[in-house]
Protein backbone atom coordinates (compact mmCIF):
# COMPACT_ATOMS: atom_id res chain seq x y z
CA MET A 1 -62.08 85.05 81.50
CA LEU A 2 -58.92 84.77 79.70
CA ASP A 3 -57.41 87.74 80.96
CA ASP A 4 -58.00 86.73 84.32
CA ALA A 5 -56.64 83.53 83.67
CA VAL A 6 -53.81 85.22 82.05
CA ALA A 7 -53.30 88.06 85.64
CA GLN A 8 -53.01 84.77 87.46
CA GLY A 9 -50.37 83.10 85.92
CA VAL A 10 -52.15 80.85 83.54
CA THR A 11 -49.26 80.28 80.54
CA VAL A 12 -49.67 79.16 76.93
CA ASP A 13 -49.65 74.84 77.87
CA HIS A 14 -52.69 75.45 79.59
CA PHE A 15 -54.31 76.86 75.82
CA TYR A 16 -56.03 73.84 74.70
CA THR A 17 -57.46 75.81 71.52
CA PRO A 18 -55.13 75.77 68.70
CA LEU A 19 -55.96 79.55 67.58
CA LEU A 20 -55.84 80.50 71.25
CA ARG A 21 -52.17 79.11 71.39
CA GLN A 22 -51.42 80.74 67.71
CA VAL A 23 -52.89 84.19 69.41
CA TYR A 24 -50.71 84.05 72.68
CA GLU A 25 -47.47 83.49 70.30
CA ALA A 26 -48.55 86.34 68.16
CA LEU A 27 -48.72 89.02 70.89
CA LEU A 28 -45.42 88.55 72.28
CA PRO A 29 -43.23 89.72 68.88
CA ILE A 30 -46.12 92.02 68.42
CA ALA A 31 -46.40 93.81 72.03
CA ALA A 32 -42.21 93.65 71.71
CA ALA A 33 -42.13 95.86 68.23
CA GLY A 34 -44.25 98.20 70.04
CA GLU A 35 -47.17 98.23 67.61
CA ILE A 36 -50.79 98.05 68.63
CA PRO A 37 -51.87 94.24 69.03
CA ASP A 38 -55.39 94.49 67.80
CA GLU A 39 -57.15 91.64 65.70
CA LEU A 40 -55.97 92.90 62.35
CA ALA A 41 -52.24 92.86 63.49
CA VAL A 42 -52.95 89.73 65.25
CA TRP A 43 -54.59 88.14 62.41
CA GLU A 44 -51.34 89.31 59.96
CA HIS A 45 -49.41 87.28 62.38
CA VAL A 46 -50.90 84.40 62.94
CA ARG A 47 -51.97 83.67 59.00
CA LYS A 48 -48.22 83.32 58.15
CA SER A 49 -48.49 80.20 59.53
CA ASP A 50 -51.62 78.99 59.05
CA PRO A 51 -53.28 80.74 56.00
CA GLU A 52 -57.06 78.90 56.45
CA VAL A 53 -57.26 81.63 59.74
CA THR A 54 -59.53 84.38 59.14
CA LEU A 55 -59.98 88.14 60.58
CA ALA A 56 -63.82 86.81 61.05
CA ASP A 57 -61.96 84.06 63.62
CA ILE A 58 -59.91 86.61 65.06
CA ASN A 59 -62.98 88.92 65.74
CA ASP A 60 -65.24 85.80 66.79
CA LEU A 61 -62.03 84.99 69.62
CA SER A 62 -62.23 88.53 70.91
CA ARG A 63 -65.77 88.88 71.46
CA GLU A 64 -66.00 85.32 73.12
CA TYR A 65 -63.82 86.80 76.01
CA SER A 66 -65.24 89.76 77.91
CA THR A 67 -62.01 91.92 77.03
CA GLY A 68 -60.36 93.04 73.60
CA ILE A 69 -57.31 91.31 72.34
CA GLN A 70 -55.43 94.73 72.68
CA SER A 71 -56.57 95.02 76.03
CA PRO A 72 -52.94 96.77 78.19
CA ARG A 73 -53.96 94.64 81.41
CA TYR A 74 -54.32 91.08 78.70
CA ILE A 75 -50.62 91.89 77.16
CA ALA A 76 -48.87 92.83 80.32
CA GLY A 77 -50.04 89.71 81.85
CA ILE A 78 -48.97 87.81 78.58
CA LEU A 79 -45.59 89.52 78.59
CA ARG A 80 -45.17 88.64 82.42
CA CYS A 81 -45.78 84.93 82.05
CA HIS A 82 -43.32 85.07 78.75
CA GLU A 83 -40.46 86.84 81.32
CA LEU A 84 -41.11 84.38 84.34
CA ARG A 85 -40.91 81.32 82.29
CA GLN A 86 -37.83 82.58 80.95
CA LEU A 87 -36.09 83.59 84.28
CA HIS A 88 -37.14 80.12 85.52
CA ASN A 89 -35.71 78.21 82.14
CA LEU A 90 -32.10 80.49 83.06
CA GLY A 91 -32.01 78.82 86.50
CA LEU A 92 -32.62 75.48 85.18
CA ARG A 93 -29.48 76.23 83.35
CA VAL A 94 -27.74 77.62 86.16
CA ILE A 95 -28.31 74.65 88.11
CA ASP A 96 -27.47 72.61 84.88
CA GLN A 97 -23.98 74.04 85.02
CA THR A 98 -23.11 74.03 88.39
CA GLN A 99 -24.00 70.50 88.36
CA LYS A 100 -21.10 69.96 85.51
CA GLN A 101 -18.48 71.41 87.21
CA VAL A 102 -18.35 74.59 84.80
CA GLU A 103 -16.50 77.27 86.08
CA PRO A 104 -18.00 80.14 87.96
CA ALA A 105 -16.79 82.63 85.85
CA GLU A 106 -17.98 81.64 83.02
CA ILE A 107 -21.47 80.71 84.20
CA ILE A 108 -21.99 84.30 85.45
CA ALA A 109 -20.51 85.51 82.18
CA GLN A 110 -23.70 83.18 80.91
CA MET A 111 -26.10 84.26 83.17
CA GLU A 112 -25.49 88.02 82.80
CA LYS A 113 -25.44 87.90 79.01
CA ALA A 114 -28.88 85.76 79.21
CA ALA A 115 -30.71 88.14 81.74
CA LEU A 116 -29.37 91.49 79.45
CA GLU A 117 -30.84 89.78 76.68
CA LEU A 118 -34.03 89.20 78.62
CA GLY A 119 -34.51 92.96 79.76
CA ALA A 120 -33.67 94.22 75.66
CA SER A 121 -37.50 93.36 74.70
CA GLU A 122 -38.60 96.81 75.78
CA GLY A 123 -39.27 98.10 72.35
CA ALA A 124 -37.11 100.22 70.33
CA GLU A 125 -36.38 103.55 70.49
CA GLY A 126 -37.40 106.23 68.22
CA PHE A 127 -34.87 106.56 65.09
CA HIS A 128 -35.67 110.84 65.27
CA PRO A 129 -33.34 111.38 67.92
CA ALA A 130 -30.23 109.47 65.85
CA VAL A 131 -31.26 111.66 62.62
CA ASP A 132 -30.83 114.49 65.10
CA SER A 133 -27.73 113.58 66.36
CA ALA A 134 -26.37 113.09 63.15
CA VAL A 135 -27.21 116.63 61.66
CA LYS A 136 -26.00 117.61 64.38
CA LEU A 137 -22.52 116.01 63.88
CA ILE A 138 -22.76 116.86 60.72
CA LYS A 139 -22.79 120.48 60.76
CA LYS A 140 -20.23 120.62 63.93
CA ARG A 141 -17.55 118.97 61.08
CA ASN A 142 -18.40 121.19 58.48
CA ASP A 143 -18.59 124.66 60.50
CA THR A 144 -14.52 123.35 62.17
CA GLY A 145 -13.55 121.97 58.99
CA TYR A 146 -11.99 118.65 60.37
CA GLY A 147 -13.20 116.91 63.72
CA LEU A 148 -12.84 113.20 65.02
CA ILE A 149 -16.25 111.11 65.34
CA GLY A 150 -14.33 108.84 67.34
CA LEU A 151 -11.78 108.25 70.23
CA PRO A 152 -8.07 109.41 69.07
CA THR A 153 -5.64 106.95 68.81
CA GLY A 154 -2.95 109.20 69.27
CA ILE A 155 -1.22 108.46 65.93
CA GLY A 156 -1.84 111.78 64.00
CA LEU A 157 -1.90 110.44 60.25
CA LEU A 158 -4.12 107.50 61.05
CA ASP A 159 -6.81 109.20 63.05
CA SER A 160 -6.82 111.61 59.80
CA ILE A 161 -7.95 108.42 57.63
CA THR A 162 -10.31 106.79 60.30
CA THR A 163 -11.73 109.92 62.26
CA GLY A 164 -10.85 107.90 65.19
CA LEU A 165 -12.16 104.69 66.72
CA ARG A 166 -16.15 105.10 66.60
CA PRO A 167 -18.18 104.51 69.53
CA GLY A 168 -19.44 100.19 69.17
CA SER A 169 -17.07 99.75 66.08
CA LEU A 170 -14.48 96.25 65.95
CA ASN A 171 -11.46 97.47 64.63
CA ILE A 172 -9.16 94.56 63.81
CA LEU A 173 -5.27 94.99 63.46
CA GLY A 174 -3.43 92.57 61.84
CA GLY A 175 0.23 91.39 61.56
CA ARG A 176 2.67 88.82 61.66
CA PRO A 177 4.19 87.08 65.02
CA GLY A 178 6.82 89.78 65.67
CA GLY A 179 5.91 92.21 63.49
CA GLY A 180 4.72 95.08 66.27
CA LYS A 181 0.79 94.09 66.46
CA THR A 182 0.98 94.02 70.05
CA THR A 183 3.08 97.10 70.23
CA LEU A 184 1.19 99.09 68.05
CA GLY A 185 -1.81 98.10 70.29
CA LEU A 186 -0.65 98.96 73.31
CA GLN A 187 0.60 102.40 72.08
CA ILE A 188 -3.00 103.01 71.32
CA ALA A 189 -3.80 102.30 74.72
CA LEU A 190 -1.10 103.88 76.54
CA ASN A 191 -1.81 107.33 74.48
CA ILE A 192 -5.65 107.22 75.26
CA ALA A 193 -5.16 106.20 78.86
CA ARG A 194 -2.68 109.18 78.61
CA SER A 195 -5.71 111.48 77.46
CA GLY A 196 -7.04 110.50 81.03
CA LYS A 197 -9.59 107.97 79.34
CA SER A 198 -9.57 104.30 81.01
CA VAL A 199 -8.51 101.41 78.62
CA ARG A 200 -8.52 97.95 79.35
CA PHE A 201 -6.38 95.37 78.07
CA TRP A 202 -6.75 91.62 77.65
CA SER A 203 -3.58 89.88 76.82
CA LEU A 204 -3.92 86.53 76.00
CA GLU A 205 -0.17 85.91 74.71
CA MET A 206 1.54 87.52 77.90
CA THR A 207 1.25 87.91 81.66
CA LYS A 208 1.38 91.53 83.33
CA GLU A 209 4.39 91.74 83.64
CA GLN A 210 5.53 90.92 80.27
CA VAL A 211 3.03 94.23 79.81
CA ALA A 212 4.20 96.08 82.47
CA GLU A 213 7.81 95.30 80.95
CA LYS A 214 6.91 97.02 77.55
CA LEU A 215 5.23 99.93 78.87
CA LEU A 216 8.21 100.84 81.00
CA ALA A 217 10.86 100.76 78.17
CA ASN A 218 8.13 102.72 75.95
CA VAL A 219 7.44 105.12 78.56
CA SER A 220 11.10 105.60 79.85
CA GLY A 221 12.87 105.53 76.98
CA VAL A 222 15.15 102.94 78.15
CA HIS A 223 16.33 100.40 76.14
CA VAL A 224 14.64 96.49 77.35
CA HIS A 225 18.74 95.11 76.63
CA LYS A 226 20.43 97.25 79.04
CA ALA A 227 18.12 95.73 81.72
CA ALA A 228 18.55 92.20 80.34
CA ASP A 229 22.43 92.51 80.16
CA GLY A 230 22.60 94.62 83.87
CA MET A 231 23.35 97.31 82.18
CA LEU A 232 21.22 100.37 83.69
CA THR A 233 23.16 102.85 84.93
CA GLU A 234 21.60 105.35 88.17
CA PRO A 235 19.80 108.14 85.52
CA ASP A 236 18.16 104.99 84.04
CA MET A 237 16.86 103.69 87.14
CA TYR A 238 15.58 107.18 87.75
CA GLU A 239 13.85 107.05 84.47
CA LEU A 240 12.29 103.86 84.92
CA ALA A 241 10.85 104.90 88.60
CA LYS A 242 9.22 108.24 87.27
CA ALA A 243 7.91 105.57 84.60
CA GLY A 244 6.42 103.75 86.50
CA GLU A 245 4.76 106.27 88.46
CA GLU A 246 3.02 107.75 85.45
CA ILE A 247 1.61 104.45 84.12
CA GLN A 248 0.50 103.14 87.73
CA SER A 249 -1.45 106.89 87.47
CA LEU A 250 -3.27 105.61 84.56
CA THR A 251 -6.86 103.95 84.50
CA LEU A 252 -5.03 101.48 82.48
CA ALA A 253 -6.25 97.68 83.59
CA VAL A 254 -4.82 94.38 81.90
CA GLU A 255 -6.10 90.86 82.12
CA ASP A 256 -3.68 88.00 81.44
CA ARG A 257 -6.38 85.35 82.28
CA ALA A 258 -6.22 82.37 79.99
CA MET A 259 -9.15 80.92 78.14
CA VAL A 260 -11.23 83.48 78.03
CA ASN A 261 -14.40 83.46 75.83
CA PRO A 262 -16.22 86.46 74.39
CA SER A 263 -18.79 86.30 77.18
CA ILE A 264 -16.11 86.56 79.81
CA VAL A 265 -15.22 89.91 78.25
CA ARG A 266 -18.77 91.11 78.19
CA SER A 267 -19.34 90.43 81.82
CA THR A 268 -16.35 91.92 82.66
CA LEU A 269 -17.04 95.03 80.77
CA ARG A 270 -20.79 95.50 82.13
CA ARG A 271 -18.96 95.35 85.51
CA ASP A 272 -16.55 98.51 84.21
CA LEU A 273 -19.12 100.51 82.79
CA ARG A 274 -20.28 100.82 85.94
CA LYS A 275 -17.26 102.48 87.12
CA SER A 276 -16.41 105.78 87.04
CA PRO A 277 -13.90 106.65 84.71
CA ALA A 278 -16.04 103.58 82.71
CA PRO A 279 -13.70 101.74 79.80
CA ALA A 280 -13.49 104.26 76.90
CA LEU A 281 -11.36 101.16 74.69
CA VAL A 282 -11.09 97.37 74.91
CA VAL A 283 -8.01 95.99 73.12
CA VAL A 284 -8.06 91.99 72.99
CA ASP A 285 -4.77 90.57 71.88
CA TYR A 286 -5.23 88.46 70.06
CA LEU A 287 -8.25 86.99 68.31
CA GLN A 288 -6.72 83.45 67.54
CA LEU A 289 -6.66 82.94 71.53
CA VAL A 290 -9.88 83.79 72.66
CA ARG A 291 -11.70 80.82 73.38
CA PRO A 292 -14.44 79.96 71.60
CA SER A 293 -18.29 79.72 72.64
CA ASP A 294 -18.61 76.11 70.69
CA ARG A 295 -15.45 74.07 70.80
CA PHE A 296 -16.96 71.70 68.46
CA LEU A 297 -17.53 74.02 65.57
CA PRO A 298 -15.01 73.95 62.32
CA ARG A 299 -12.02 76.55 63.31
CA GLU A 300 -13.52 79.41 60.86
CA GLN A 301 -16.89 79.07 62.31
CA GLN A 302 -15.48 79.54 65.46
CA VAL A 303 -13.34 82.28 64.51
CA ALA A 304 -15.98 83.80 62.75
CA SER A 305 -18.58 83.66 65.74
CA MET A 306 -16.30 85.55 67.90
CA THR A 307 -15.76 88.25 65.78
CA ARG A 308 -19.53 88.67 65.90
CA GLU A 309 -19.82 88.19 69.66
CA LEU A 310 -17.06 91.12 69.79
CA LYS A 311 -18.93 92.94 67.28
CA LEU A 312 -22.31 93.16 69.33
CA LEU A 313 -20.32 93.74 72.76
CA ALA A 314 -19.47 96.96 70.99
CA LEU A 315 -22.46 97.62 69.62
CA ASP A 316 -24.09 97.06 72.39
CA THR A 317 -22.25 98.82 75.27
CA GLY A 318 -21.02 101.53 72.91
CA VAL A 319 -17.62 100.79 73.40
CA PRO A 320 -14.91 100.82 70.99
CA ILE A 321 -12.76 97.46 70.69
CA LEU A 322 -9.61 96.80 69.05
CA CYS A 323 -8.93 93.08 68.38
CA LEU A 324 -5.27 91.87 67.18
CA SER A 325 -5.14 89.34 64.87
CA GLN A 326 -2.56 87.21 63.16
CA LEU A 327 -2.22 87.30 59.49
CA ASN A 328 -1.26 84.19 57.73
CA ARG A 329 2.11 83.30 55.37
CA ALA A 330 0.95 83.92 52.13
CA GLY A 331 2.15 87.41 52.14
CA GLU A 332 6.06 86.19 53.00
CA THR A 333 5.70 83.00 50.32
CA GLU A 334 4.48 85.29 47.78
CA GLY A 335 7.78 87.44 47.73
CA GLY A 336 6.75 89.14 50.27
CA ARG A 337 4.00 91.12 48.81
CA GLU A 338 1.63 93.64 50.29
CA PRO A 339 -0.53 92.15 52.78
CA ARG A 340 -4.46 91.71 52.12
CA VAL A 341 -7.54 91.41 53.99
CA SER A 342 -8.09 88.10 53.23
CA ASP A 343 -4.61 87.23 54.56
CA LEU A 344 -6.27 87.64 58.36
CA ARG A 345 -6.36 83.95 59.52
CA GLU A 346 -8.82 81.81 59.50
CA SER A 347 -10.85 85.15 58.23
CA GLY A 348 -13.79 83.71 57.44
CA ALA A 349 -16.09 86.57 58.54
CA ILE A 350 -13.27 88.85 60.17
CA GLU A 351 -13.96 91.75 57.46
CA GLN A 352 -17.56 91.38 57.22
CA ASP A 353 -17.48 92.28 60.78
CA ALA A 354 -15.25 94.42 61.09
CA ASP A 355 -16.04 98.56 61.07
CA ALA A 356 -12.10 98.97 59.81
CA VAL A 357 -9.30 96.47 59.07
CA LEU A 358 -5.15 97.78 59.66
CA LEU A 359 -2.94 95.96 58.30
CA LEU A 360 1.44 95.55 59.38
CA TRP A 361 3.92 94.76 57.35
CA PRO A 362 7.84 95.34 57.51
CA ASP A 363 9.58 98.11 55.81
CA GLU A 364 12.43 97.81 53.78
CA ASP A 365 13.96 100.18 56.61
CA PRO A 366 14.19 98.02 60.19
CA SER A 367 13.63 101.18 61.87
CA LYS A 368 9.98 101.50 60.48
CA VAL A 369 6.61 99.62 59.46
CA ASN A 370 3.87 100.53 56.98
CA LEU A 371 0.56 100.59 58.67
CA LYS A 372 -2.64 100.32 56.31
CA VAL A 373 -6.07 100.80 56.24
CA ALA A 374 -7.38 97.84 54.24
CA LYS A 375 -11.27 98.14 55.14
CA ASN A 376 -12.74 101.63 56.99
CA ARG A 377 -16.74 101.38 56.50
CA HIS A 378 -17.13 104.93 57.29
CA GLY A 379 -14.65 106.29 55.17
CA PRO A 380 -11.26 106.17 52.81
CA CYS A 381 -8.65 103.81 53.49
CA GLY A 382 -5.29 104.58 53.01
CA ARG A 383 -1.77 103.82 54.49
CA LEU A 384 1.17 105.27 56.40
CA SER A 385 4.83 104.55 57.78
CA LEU A 386 5.65 104.47 61.21
CA ASP A 387 9.23 104.62 62.84
CA PHE A 388 8.90 101.31 65.11
CA ALA A 389 12.06 101.86 68.17
CA ARG A 390 11.75 98.11 68.85
CA GLY A 391 14.20 98.07 71.71
CA LEU A 392 11.48 100.97 73.40
CA HIS A 393 8.74 99.01 72.36
CA ARG A 394 7.39 102.32 70.53
CA LEU A 395 5.49 103.20 66.89
CA THR A 396 5.86 106.81 66.19
CA ALA A 397 4.02 108.34 63.07
């Protein structure tokens, strides 16, 4: 019997009848979608690739065996064989990668990603809970008159425009080199960590020690040039020591590994989510230094692939991602005009994947910078001016 053969581990390769093969391949997507795999559903799926197959053919096939096509035992056996074959193929890929001397961290990241994708076909959750949640959120905001939907950045004027960094969102912060984008990314990470939440900061441009120096200057209020010139006083040393204790008490993790790709970020975040407290925010500094999954693609396609993977990571984990990005020189060559989203370096699909795009550019007053919410998928756009204490690596509204 067909269902007995499936239960014993027979796969599609044993089904020499073309129609049986088509039925087998139709059952997987039907079952994964949570639909009832009866004769009509199977026929509608099969006839897309073979219009000559009739409903009578499917009914005859169903009667030929001792069980109907929709038998739960039959479907369970088919899915089990399919998953076993995918796991077998995954094992072969791992063996191939180890023989090619690929870095262990990258192999683990790829394996975790493939295993997660394999386990993601359990059927879609109903839409009703999401509607109920949205109604409650709208009612809460209406009752209070104002409320943050996402994670507060600690910069009030920015939060009033964006309503915070939403769960599962990809947020791009663009700026020219030396324009303050790393300072703003660290400022937001610090503000959120000070609120008691966990933050992971991926620094692909600076070492952990360099990041720590910026944070110490920010928290202590001791100008970085005083330390560089050897002009620190005893009160300065006291403030630095106190700032060091405060930073160490925060759940702020800094990674400075080179050659990081989205799969490694995903693998690390997955492990972090099993810890307590789980990360509330991931910051990546910066996009153009992230290693692409396929280095042979044109550069714009590489960046587009990376932003898409980061967006899928945010959606999959529910953790907002703040990704810093460089702006090209267009604004500088056109008389210092206000930047646009199209000025994002190797922009490609960045604008398409991002939920919010923030752009930084210098003000006429050297102690200030301008910040524009150039794209906001969930609300209005706007702009604000920030005070920039460069010597303290501090940005405030």
